[in-house]
PDB file of all heavy atoms in Angstrom:
ATOM      1  N   ASN A   1       5.311   6.005  -9.197  1.00  0.00           N
ATOM      2  CA  ASN A   1       4.340   5.789  -8.139  1.00  0.00           C
ATOM      3  C   ASN A   1       4.176   4.285  -7.886  1.00  0.00           C
ATOM      4  O   ASN A   1       5.006   3.499  -8.313  1.00  0.00           O
ATOM      5  CB  ASN A   1       3.028   6.493  -8.425  1.00  0.00           C
ATOM      6  CG  ASN A   1       3.218   7.998  -8.514  1.00  0.00           C
ATOM      7  OD1 ASN A   1       4.089   8.551  -7.859  1.00  0.00           O
ATOM      8  ND2 ASN A   1       2.419   8.646  -9.326  1.00  0.00           N
ATOM      9  N   ALA A   2       3.132   3.892  -7.186  1.00  0.00           N
ATOM     10  CA  ALA A   2       2.973   2.490  -6.816  1.00  0.00           C
ATOM     11  C   ALA A   2       1.511   2.199  -6.539  1.00  0.00           C
ATOM     12  O   ALA A   2       0.685   3.109  -6.466  1.00  0.00           O
ATOM     13  CB  ALA A   2       3.818   2.176  -5.581  1.00  0.00           C
ATOM     14  N   LEU A   3       1.207   0.918  -6.373  1.00  0.00           N
ATOM     15  CA  LEU A   3      -0.136   0.498  -5.977  1.00  0.00           C
ATOM     16  C   LEU A   3      -0.111   0.094  -4.511  1.00  0.00           C
ATOM     17  O   LEU A   3       0.697  -0.747  -4.105  1.00  0.00           O
ATOM     18  CB  LEU A   3      -0.609  -0.684  -6.828  1.00  0.00           C
ATOM     19  CG  LEU A   3      -0.837  -0.405  -8.306  1.00  0.00           C
ATOM     20  CD1 LEU A   3      -1.216  -1.694  -9.040  1.00  0.00           C
ATOM     21  CD2 LEU A   3      -1.913   0.653  -8.507  1.00  0.00           C
ATOM     22  N   LEU A   4      -0.978   0.701  -3.735  1.00  0.00           N
ATOM     23  CA  LEU A   4      -1.200   0.309  -2.348  1.00  0.00           C
ATOM     24  C   LEU A   4      -2.368  -0.656  -2.364  1.00  0.00           C
ATOM     25  O   LEU A   4      -3.425  -0.345  -2.936  1.00  0.00           O
ATOM     26  CB  LEU A   4      -1.535   1.529  -1.495  1.00  0.00           C
ATOM     27  CG  LEU A   4      -2.057   1.233  -0.087  1.00  0.00           C
ATOM     28  CD1 LEU A   4      -0.985   0.561   0.766  1.00  0.00           C
ATOM     29  CD2 LEU A   4      -2.548   2.515   0.564  1.00  0.00           C
ATOM     30  N   THR A   5      -2.191  -1.818  -1.755  1.00  0.00           N
ATOM     31  CA  THR A   5      -3.241  -2.831  -1.753  1.00  0.00           C
ATOM     32  C   THR A   5      -3.438  -3.334  -0.330  1.00  0.00           C
ATOM     33  O   THR A   5      -2.481  -3.576   0.394  1.00  0.00           O
ATOM     34  CB  THR A   5      -2.868  -4.005  -2.679  1.00  0.00           C
ATOM     35  OG1 THR A   5      -2.482  -3.474  -3.948  1.00  0.00           O
ATOM     36  CG2 THR A   5      -4.027  -4.957  -2.863  1.00  0.00           C
ATOM     37  N   ALA A   6      -4.700  -3.497   0.060  1.00  0.00           N
ATOM     38  CA  ALA A   6      -5.033  -4.054   1.365  1.00  0.00           C
ATOM     39  C   ALA A   6      -6.210  -4.998   1.199  1.00  0.00           C
ATOM     40  O   ALA A   6      -7.019  -4.852   0.287  1.00  0.00           O
ATOM     41  CB  ALA A   6      -5.375  -2.942   2.355  1.00  0.00           C
ATOM     42  N   GLY A   7      -6.280  -5.964   2.082  1.00  0.00           N
ATOM     43  CA  GLY A   7      -7.318  -6.980   2.040  1.00  0.00           C
ATOM     44  C   GLY A   7      -6.684  -8.345   2.156  1.00  0.00           C
ATOM     45  O   GLY A   7      -5.599  -8.496   2.714  1.00  0.00           O
ATOM     46  N   ASP A   8      -7.375  -9.345   1.612  1.00  0.00           N
ATOM     47  CA  ASP A   8      -6.860 -10.709   1.636  1.00  0.00           C
ATOM     48  C   ASP A   8      -7.487 -11.484   0.480  1.00  0.00           C
ATOM     49  O   ASP A   8      -8.093 -10.875  -0.413  1.00  0.00           O
ATOM     50  CB  ASP A   8      -7.123 -11.381   2.989  1.00  0.00           C
ATOM     51  CG  ASP A   8      -8.587 -11.371   3.391  1.00  0.00           C
ATOM     52  OD1 ASP A   8      -9.478 -11.380   2.493  1.00  0.00           O
ATOM     53  OD2 ASP A   8      -8.869 -11.374   4.602  1.00  0.00           O
ATOM     54  N   LYS A   9      -7.377 -12.811   0.516  1.00  0.00           N
ATOM     55  CA  LYS A   9      -7.887 -13.630  -0.587  1.00  0.00           C
ATOM     56  C   LYS A   9      -9.403 -13.528  -0.746  1.00  0.00           C
ATOM     57  O   LYS A   9      -9.930 -13.766  -1.822  1.00  0.00           O
ATOM     58  CB  LYS A   9      -7.480 -15.090  -0.385  1.00  0.00           C
ATOM     59  CG  LYS A   9      -5.993 -15.298  -0.547  1.00  0.00           C
ATOM     60  CD  LYS A   9      -5.585 -16.735  -0.259  1.00  0.00           C
ATOM     61  CE  LYS A   9      -4.076 -16.879  -0.376  1.00  0.00           C
ATOM     62  NZ  LYS A   9      -3.616 -18.212   0.012  1.00  0.00           N
ATOM     63  N   SER A  10     -10.106 -13.134   0.307  1.00  0.00           N
ATOM     64  CA  SER A  10     -11.571 -13.039   0.214  1.00  0.00           C
ATOM     65  C   SER A  10     -12.049 -11.697  -0.339  1.00  0.00           C
ATOM     66  O   SER A  10     -13.206 -11.568  -0.720  1.00  0.00           O
ATOM     67  CB  SER A  10     -12.199 -13.292   1.586  1.00  0.00           C
ATOM     68  OG  SER A  10     -11.864 -12.254   2.485  1.00  0.00           O
ATOM     69  N   GLY A  11     -11.169 -10.708  -0.389  1.00  0.00           N
ATOM     70  CA  GLY A  11     -11.536  -9.405  -0.935  1.00  0.00           C
ATOM     71  C   GLY A  11     -10.452  -8.384  -0.664  1.00  0.00           C
ATOM     72  O   GLY A  11      -9.800  -8.418   0.382  1.00  0.00           O
ATOM     73  N   CYS A  12     -10.254  -7.491  -1.621  1.00  0.00           N
ATOM     74  CA  CYS A  12      -9.212  -6.482  -1.461  1.00  0.00           C
ATOM     75  C   CYS A  12      -9.491  -5.309  -2.389  1.00  0.00           C
ATOM     76  O   CYS A  12     -10.401  -5.353  -3.207  1.00  0.00           O
ATOM     77  CB  CYS A  12      -7.837  -7.075  -1.757  1.00  0.00           C
ATOM     78  SG  CYS A  12      -7.579  -7.555  -3.483  1.00  0.00           S
ATOM     79  N   ASN A  13      -8.700  -4.280  -2.244  1.00  0.00           N
ATOM     80  CA  ASN A  13      -8.726  -3.171  -3.184  1.00  0.00           C
ATOM     81  C   ASN A  13      -7.318  -2.621  -3.323  1.00  0.00           C
ATOM     82  O   ASN A  13      -6.489  -2.750  -2.419  1.00  0.00           O
ATOM     83  CB  ASN A  13      -9.672  -2.064  -2.738  1.00  0.00           C
ATOM     84  CG  ASN A  13      -9.972  -1.107  -3.879  1.00  0.00           C
ATOM     85  OD1 ASN A  13     -10.478  -1.519  -4.920  1.00  0.00           O
ATOM     86  ND2 ASN A  13      -9.643   0.154  -3.714  1.00  0.00           N
ATOM     87  N   THR A  14      -7.083  -2.024  -4.480  1.00  0.00           N
ATOM     88  CA  THR A  14      -5.796  -1.397  -4.755  1.00  0.00           C
ATOM     89  C   THR A  14      -6.023   0.021  -5.235  1.00  0.00           C
ATOM     90  O   THR A  14      -7.071   0.327  -5.809  1.00  0.00           O
ATOM     91  CB  THR A  14      -4.988  -2.225  -5.790  1.00  0.00           C
ATOM     92  OG1 THR A  14      -3.643  -1.745  -5.823  1.00  0.00           O
ATOM     93  CG2 THR A  14      -5.602  -2.171  -7.181  1.00  0.00           C
ATOM     94  N   MET A  15      -5.067   0.895  -4.972  1.00  0.00           N
ATOM     95  CA  MET A  15      -5.139   2.281  -5.430  1.00  0.00           C
ATOM     96  C   MET A  15      -3.739   2.791  -5.708  1.00  0.00           C
ATOM     97  O   MET A  15      -2.765   2.338  -5.100  1.00  0.00           O
ATOM     98  CB  MET A  15      -5.830   3.172  -4.389  1.00  0.00           C
ATOM     99  CG  MET A  15      -5.101   3.267  -3.071  1.00  0.00           C
ATOM    100  SD  MET A  15      -5.947   4.307  -1.847  1.00  0.00           S
ATOM    101  CE  MET A  15      -5.212   5.893  -2.227  1.00  0.00           C
ATOM    102  N   THR A  16      -3.641   3.714  -6.635  1.00  0.00           N
ATOM    103  CA  THR A  16      -2.364   4.339  -6.940  1.00  0.00           C
ATOM    104  C   THR A  16      -2.013   5.317  -5.823  1.00  0.00           C
ATOM    105  O   THR A  16      -2.871   6.067  -5.359  1.00  0.00           O
ATOM    106  CB  THR A  16      -2.447   5.089  -8.281  1.00  0.00           C
ATOM    107  OG1 THR A  16      -2.787   4.148  -9.294  1.00  0.00           O
ATOM    108  CG2 THR A  16      -1.131   5.760  -8.627  1.00  0.00           C
ATOM    109  N   ILE A  17      -0.751   5.284  -5.401  1.00  0.00           N
ATOM    110  CA  ILE A  17      -0.276   6.242  -4.399  1.00  0.00           C
ATOM    111  C   ILE A  17       0.959   6.966  -4.934  1.00  0.00           C
ATOM    112  O   ILE A  17       1.765   6.395  -5.657  1.00  0.00           O
ATOM    113  CB  ILE A  17       0.040   5.585  -3.041  1.00  0.00           C
ATOM    114  CG1 ILE A  17       1.104   4.479  -3.172  1.00  0.00           C
ATOM    115  CG2 ILE A  17      -1.229   5.058  -2.385  1.00  0.00           C
ATOM    116  CD1 ILE A  17       1.649   3.978  -1.848  1.00  0.00           C
ATOM    117  N   GLY A  18       1.071   8.214  -4.562  1.00  0.00           N
ATOM    118  CA  GLY A  18       2.246   9.000  -4.895  1.00  0.00           C
ATOM    119  C   GLY A  18       2.989   9.438  -3.641  1.00  0.00           C
ATOM    120  O   GLY A  18       4.075   9.971  -3.712  1.00  0.00           O
ATOM    121  N   TRP A  19       2.372   9.213  -2.495  1.00  0.00           N
ATOM    122  CA  TRP A  19       3.000   9.561  -1.213  1.00  0.00           C
ATOM    123  C   TRP A  19       3.409   8.281  -0.520  1.00  0.00           C
ATOM    124  O   TRP A  19       2.590   7.359  -0.340  1.00  0.00           O
ATOM    125  CB  TRP A  19       2.019  10.268  -0.298  1.00  0.00           C
ATOM    126  CG  TRP A  19       1.573  11.624  -0.712  1.00  0.00           C
ATOM    127  CD1 TRP A  19       1.859  12.282  -1.872  1.00  0.00           C
ATOM    128  CD2 TRP A  19       0.742  12.491   0.048  1.00  0.00           C
ATOM    129  NE1 TRP A  19       1.259  13.500  -1.884  1.00  0.00           N
ATOM    130  CE2 TRP A  19       0.560  13.663  -0.701  1.00  0.00           C
ATOM    131  CE3 TRP A  19       0.143  12.391   1.290  1.00  0.00           C
ATOM    132  CZ2 TRP A  19      -0.202  14.734  -0.253  1.00  0.00           C
ATOM    133  CZ3 TRP A  19      -0.617  13.446   1.738  1.00  0.00           C
ATOM    134  CH2 TRP A  19      -0.788  14.604   0.972  1.00  0.00           C
ATOM    135  N   CYS A  20       4.648   8.208  -0.112  1.00  0.00           N
ATOM    136  CA  CYS A  20       5.152   7.045   0.615  1.00  0.00           C
ATOM    137  C   CYS A  20       6.469   7.439   1.261  1.00  0.00           C
ATOM    138  O   CYS A  20       7.234   8.222   0.691  1.00  0.00           O
ATOM    139  CB  CYS A  20       5.368   5.885  -0.357  1.00  0.00           C
ATOM    140  SG  CYS A  20       5.875   4.349   0.414  1.00  0.00           S
ATOM    141  N   GLN A  21       6.714   6.910   2.434  1.00  0.00           N
ATOM    142  CA  GLN A  21       7.994   7.138   3.107  1.00  0.00           C
ATOM    143  C   GLN A  21       8.525   5.795   3.572  1.00  0.00           C
ATOM    144  O   GLN A  21       7.756   4.927   3.997  1.00  0.00           O
ATOM    145  CB  GLN A  21       7.816   8.063   4.308  1.00  0.00           C
ATOM    146  CG  GLN A  21       7.412   9.457   3.907  1.00  0.00           C
ATOM    147  CD  GLN A  21       7.122  10.323   5.106  1.00  0.00           C
ATOM    148  OE1 GLN A  21       6.406   9.934   6.013  1.00  0.00           O
ATOM    149  NE2 GLN A  21       7.700  11.521   5.107  1.00  0.00           N
ATOM    150  N   MET A  22       9.838   5.663   3.484  1.00  0.00           N
ATOM    151  CA  MET A  22      10.484   4.431   3.932  1.00  0.00           C
ATOM    152  C   MET A  22      11.728   4.766   4.733  1.00  0.00           C
ATOM    153  O   MET A  22      12.371   5.780   4.479  1.00  0.00           O
ATOM    154  CB  MET A  22      10.842   3.558   2.744  1.00  0.00           C
ATOM    155  CG  MET A  22       9.606   2.937   2.126  1.00  0.00           C
ATOM    156  SD  MET A  22       9.917   2.203   0.550  1.00  0.00           S
ATOM    157  CE  MET A  22       9.760   3.624  -0.487  1.00  0.00           C
ATOM    158  N   GLY A  23      12.029   3.908   5.665  1.00  0.00           N
ATOM    159  CA  GLY A  23      13.217   4.113   6.481  1.00  0.00           C
ATOM    160  C   GLY A  23      13.189   3.199   7.688  1.00  0.00           C
ATOM    161  O   GLY A  23      12.683   2.077   7.631  1.00  0.00           O
ATOM    162  N   ARG A  24      13.707   3.717   8.794  1.00  0.00           N
ATOM    163  CA  ARG A  24      13.728   2.946  10.035  1.00  0.00           C
ATOM    164  C   ARG A  24      13.013   3.739  11.118  1.00  0.00           C
ATOM    165  O   ARG A  24      13.190   4.947  11.233  1.00  0.00           O
ATOM    166  CB  ARG A  24      15.160   2.648  10.462  1.00  0.00           C
ATOM    167  CG  ARG A  24      15.857   1.700   9.494  1.00  0.00           C
ATOM    168  CD  ARG A  24      17.170   1.167  10.002  1.00  0.00           C
ATOM    169  NE  ARG A  24      17.052   0.256  11.118  1.00  0.00           N
ATOM    170  CZ  ARG A  24      16.652  -1.021  11.042  1.00  0.00           C
ATOM    171  NH1 ARG A  24      16.302  -1.521   9.881  1.00  0.00           N
ATOM    172  NH2 ARG A  24      16.605  -1.780  12.107  1.00  0.00           N
ATOM    173  N   LEU A  25      12.217   3.036  11.888  1.00  0.00           N
ATOM    174  CA  LEU A  25      11.502   3.618  13.012  1.00  0.00           C
ATOM    175  C   LEU A  25      11.406   2.533  14.071  1.00  0.00           C
ATOM    176  O   LEU A  25      11.102   1.376  13.738  1.00  0.00           O
ATOM    177  CB  LEU A  25      10.102   4.083  12.551  1.00  0.00           C
ATOM    178  CG  LEU A  25       9.206   4.758  13.579  1.00  0.00           C
ATOM    179  CD1 LEU A  25       9.826   6.076  14.060  1.00  0.00           C
ATOM    180  CD2 LEU A  25       7.833   5.020  12.980  1.00  0.00           C
ATOM    181  N   TRP A  26      11.655   2.876  15.304  1.00  0.00           N
ATOM    182  CA  TRP A  26      11.657   1.898  16.393  1.00  0.00           C
ATOM    183  C   TRP A  26      12.612   0.744  16.072  1.00  0.00           C
ATOM    184  O   TRP A  26      12.351  -0.416  16.395  1.00  0.00           O
ATOM    185  CB  TRP A  26      10.252   1.382  16.697  1.00  0.00           C
ATOM    186  CG  TRP A  26       9.300   2.478  17.060  1.00  0.00           C
ATOM    187  CD1 TRP A  26       9.436   3.384  18.067  1.00  0.00           C
ATOM    188  CD2 TRP A  26       8.068   2.787  16.416  1.00  0.00           C
ATOM    189  NE1 TRP A  26       8.367   4.243  18.080  1.00  0.00           N
ATOM    190  CE2 TRP A  26       7.504   3.896  17.077  1.00  0.00           C
ATOM    191  CE3 TRP A  26       7.380   2.244  15.336  1.00  0.00           C
ATOM    192  CZ2 TRP A  26       6.300   4.469  16.719  1.00  0.00           C
ATOM    193  CZ3 TRP A  26       6.180   2.815  14.981  1.00  0.00           C
ATOM    194  CH2 TRP A  26       5.648   3.902  15.661  1.00  0.00           C
TER     195      TRP A  26
END
């Protein structure tokens, strides 16, 4: 699995994810 993280230097949060897709779009 992996950690999904969003935010910036002033504040953020991370969470474990088990769902993710990668590839090409547009």
